């Protein structure tokens, strides 16, 4: 989990750096244009800033690849979601997983995940309690924020009471509905 947080922070910082470098490259390009394309120093500045931006873009891609593997391994993030987040083709993500020795988790294959990775956005999920019971739980924010399970009175529970979680399975399609 710490590795994921470190790489995610590097990824976000690199994206900000790329924005800065892109602005600098545009400014250098404009300065060279304003010199009538005659100033060799402005040309060198422009080429250097464009090279730095390209290098940062390559660095971001490498971090995105690493994040895709880590997210799938740690959280079971679907390949489709990883594609949308990082722009990496699903087939490429599968190759990355294989190359890194990470088992591909099919969305239909449910897997228990560490409770510290449970969603905290109100999404309902299955929680495996320390008592071996399985409950439907969710997290609420606000003054009385925390995990809740409707079957308990009071419904708020301590995260320490849960060991693992997994997403709720998709319900079967009703008659006449299309299954995605």
Protein backbone atom coordinates (compact mmCIF):
# COMPACT_ATOMS: atom_id res chain seq x y z
CA UNK A 1 0.00 0.00 0.00
CA UNK A 2 2.88 2.37 0.80
CA UNK A 3 4.44 1.66 -2.60
CA UNK A 4 1.13 2.54 -4.27
CA UNK A 5 0.86 5.84 -2.38
CA UNK A 6 4.45 6.75 -3.23
CA UNK A 7 4.03 5.99 -6.94
CA UNK A 8 0.65 7.77 -7.05
CA UNK A 9 2.23 10.89 -5.52
CA UNK A 10 5.09 10.73 -8.05
CA UNK A 11 2.53 10.36 -10.85
CA UNK A 12 0.52 13.40 -9.72
CA UNK A 13 3.68 15.49 -9.25
CA UNK A 14 4.93 14.51 -12.71
CA UNK A 15 1.62 15.53 -14.27
CA UNK A 16 1.97 18.97 -12.66
CA UNK A 17 5.59 19.21 -13.81
CA UNK A 18 4.52 18.33 -17.36
CA UNK A 19 2.00 21.18 -17.34
CA UNK A 20 4.75 23.56 -16.22
CA UNK A 21 7.14 22.27 -18.88
CA UNK A 22 4.46 22.58 -21.56
CA UNK A 23 3.96 26.25 -20.65
CA UNK A 24 7.73 26.84 -20.70
CA UNK A 25 7.99 25.12 -24.10
CA UNK A 26 5.19 27.30 -25.48
CA UNK A 27 6.92 30.43 -24.15
CA UNK A 28 10.25 29.38 -25.64
CA UNK A 29 8.57 28.62 -28.97
CA UNK A 30 6.92 32.06 -28.92
CA UNK A 31 10.25 33.78 -28.07
CA UNK A 32 11.95 32.02 -30.97
CA UNK A 33 9.06 33.03 -33.28
CA UNK A 34 9.32 36.65 -32.09
CA UNK A 35 13.05 36.61 -32.92
CA UNK A 36 12.11 35.91 -36.52
CA UNK A 37 13.51 32.38 -36.18
CA UNK A 38 17.01 33.90 -36.18
CA UNK A 39 18.03 33.71 -32.53
CA UNK A 40 20.08 30.54 -32.00
CA UNK A 41 19.87 30.84 -28.19
CA UNK A 42 16.06 31.01 -28.29
CA UNK A 43 16.04 27.99 -30.58
CA UNK A 44 18.23 26.04 -28.14
CA UNK A 45 15.94 27.01 -25.23
CA UNK A 46 12.90 25.91 -27.18
CA UNK A 47 14.43 22.57 -28.12
CA UNK A 48 15.60 21.91 -24.55
CA UNK A 49 12.21 22.68 -23.00
CA UNK A 50 10.45 20.50 -25.59
CA UNK A 51 12.88 17.66 -24.85
CA UNK A 52 12.26 18.05 -21.11
CA UNK A 53 8.50 17.94 -21.70
CA UNK A 54 8.85 14.77 -23.82
CA UNK A 55 11.05 13.14 -21.16
CA UNK A 56 8.52 14.01 -18.44
CA UNK A 57 5.74 12.54 -20.59
CA UNK A 58 7.71 9.27 -20.89
CA UNK A 59 8.22 9.29 -17.11
CA UNK A 60 4.47 9.74 -16.58
CA UNK A 61 3.73 6.78 -18.89
CA UNK A 62 6.15 4.58 -16.94
CA UNK A 63 4.49 5.60 -13.67
CA UNK A 64 1.04 4.97 -15.16
CA UNK A 65 2.10 1.44 -16.12
CA UNK A 66 3.39 0.83 -12.61
CA UNK A 67 0.20 2.26 -11.07
CA UNK A 68 -2.02 0.10 -13.26
CA UNK A 69 -0.28 -3.04 -11.98
CA UNK A 70 -0.31 -1.86 -8.37
CA UNK A 71 -3.97 -0.82 -8.43
CA UNK A 72 -5.08 -4.12 -9.93
CA UNK A 73 -2.96 -6.10 -7.49
CA UNK A 74 -3.83 -4.10 -4.35
CA UNK A 75 -7.45 -3.12 -5.00
CA UNK A 76 -8.68 -5.38 -7.79
CA UNK A 77 -9.35 -2.31 -9.96
CA UNK A 78 -10.95 -3.41 -13.22
CA UNK A 79 -8.92 -3.20 -16.42
CA UNK A 80 -11.58 -0.98 -17.98
CA UNK A 81 -11.29 1.51 -15.12
CA UNK A 82 -7.48 1.44 -15.40
CA UNK A 83 -7.79 2.11 -19.14
CA UNK A 84 -10.01 5.13 -18.45
CA UNK A 85 -7.73 6.43 -15.69
CA UNK A 86 -4.34 5.99 -17.36
CA UNK A 87 -5.09 5.57 -21.07
CA UNK A 88 -3.39 2.18 -21.28
CA UNK A 89 -5.06 -0.37 -23.56
CA UNK A 90 -6.63 -3.33 -21.75
CA UNK A 91 -4.47 -5.78 -23.72
CA UNK A 92 -1.36 -3.86 -22.65
CA UNK A 93 -2.47 -3.94 -19.01
CA UNK A 94 -2.92 -7.72 -19.24
CA UNK A 95 0.63 -8.01 -20.63
CA UNK A 96 1.94 -5.78 -17.82
CA UNK A 97 0.21 -7.93 -15.22
CA UNK A 98 1.67 -11.11 -16.70
CA UNK A 99 5.14 -9.56 -16.98
CA UNK A 100 4.98 -8.52 -13.30
CA UNK A 101 3.61 -11.85 -12.08
CA UNK A 102 0.25 -10.40 -11.05
CA UNK A 103 -2.82 -12.58 -11.50
CA UNK A 104 -5.55 -11.01 -13.60
CA UNK A 105 -8.72 -10.69 -11.56
CA UNK A 106 -11.78 -11.02 -13.71
CA UNK A 107 -14.65 -8.77 -12.65
CA UNK A 108 -16.72 -11.91 -12.20
CA UNK A 109 -14.07 -13.41 -9.94
CA UNK A 110 -14.68 -12.00 -6.48
CA UNK A 111 -11.68 -11.61 -4.22
CA UNK A 112 -11.47 -10.46 -0.59
CA UNK A 113 -9.37 -7.31 -0.24
CA UNK A 114 -7.81 -5.73 2.88
CA UNK A 115 -10.36 -3.61 4.75
CA UNK A 116 -8.10 -0.55 4.70
CA UNK A 117 -8.72 -0.37 0.93
CA UNK A 118 -12.54 -0.36 1.29
CA UNK A 119 -14.35 2.50 -0.47
CA UNK A 120 -15.13 5.52 1.67
CA UNK A 121 -17.49 7.21 -0.79
CA UNK A 122 -20.76 5.60 0.35
CA UNK A 123 -20.48 2.61 -2.00
CA UNK A 124 -21.97 -0.50 -0.42
CA UNK A 125 -19.74 -3.57 -0.19
CA UNK A 126 -19.54 -6.96 1.46
CA UNK A 127 -17.59 -6.92 4.72
CA UNK A 128 -16.13 -10.01 6.34
CA UNK A 129 -16.40 -9.42 10.08
CA UNK A 130 -14.00 -10.81 12.67
CA UNK A 131 -16.90 -12.99 13.82
CA UNK A 132 -16.86 -14.62 10.34
CA UNK A 133 -20.20 -13.02 9.49
CA UNK A 134 -20.56 -11.34 6.13
CA UNK A 135 -22.46 -8.06 6.18
CA UNK A 136 -23.32 -5.32 3.72
CA UNK A 137 -21.44 -2.22 4.85
CA UNK A 138 -20.71 1.29 3.64
CA UNK A 139 -18.87 4.39 4.82
CA UNK A 140 -20.53 7.69 5.64
CA UNK A 141 -18.96 11.11 5.98
CA UNK A 142 -20.03 13.99 8.14
CA UNK A 143 -20.25 14.47 11.89
CA UNK A 144 -20.92 10.79 12.57
CA UNK A 145 -18.84 9.47 9.71
CA UNK A 146 -17.53 5.96 9.71
CA UNK A 147 -18.42 2.47 8.61
CA UNK A 148 -22.02 1.35 9.03
CA UNK A 149 -23.81 -1.97 8.85
CA UNK A 150 -27.60 -1.88 8.85
CA UNK A 151 -27.90 -5.19 10.71
CA UNK A 152 -26.23 -3.79 13.84
CA UNK A 153 -27.69 -1.54 16.51
CA UNK A 154 -26.07 0.94 16.60
CA UNK A 155 -25.31 0.71 12.91
CA UNK A 156 -21.89 2.44 13.14
CA UNK A 157 -19.05 -0.02 13.60
CA UNK A 158 -15.35 0.20 14.10
CA UNK A 159 -13.12 -0.64 11.12
CA UNK A 160 -11.25 -3.01 13.45
CA UNK A 161 -14.36 -5.23 13.53
CA UNK A 162 -13.91 -5.94 9.81
CA UNK A 163 -11.11 -7.93 8.23
CA UNK A 164 -11.79 -7.91 4.48
CA UNK A 165 -14.14 -6.49 1.91
CA UNK A 166 -15.20 -7.10 -1.69
CA UNK A 167 -17.50 -5.28 -4.09
CA UNK A 168 -21.12 -6.34 -4.20
CA UNK A 169 -21.76 -8.71 -7.10
CA UNK A 170 -23.69 -7.33 -10.02
CA UNK A 171 -27.35 -8.40 -9.78
CA UNK A 172 -28.67 -10.65 -12.53
CA UNK A 173 -30.42 -8.93 -15.43
CA UNK A 174 -34.17 -8.84 -15.08
CA UNK A 175 -36.27 -10.32 -17.84
CA UNK A 176 -36.31 -7.93 -20.78
CA UNK A 177 -33.20 -5.98 -19.67
CA UNK A 178 -29.94 -6.06 -21.59
CA UNK A 179 -26.90 -7.34 -19.73
CA UNK A 180 -23.85 -5.06 -20.32
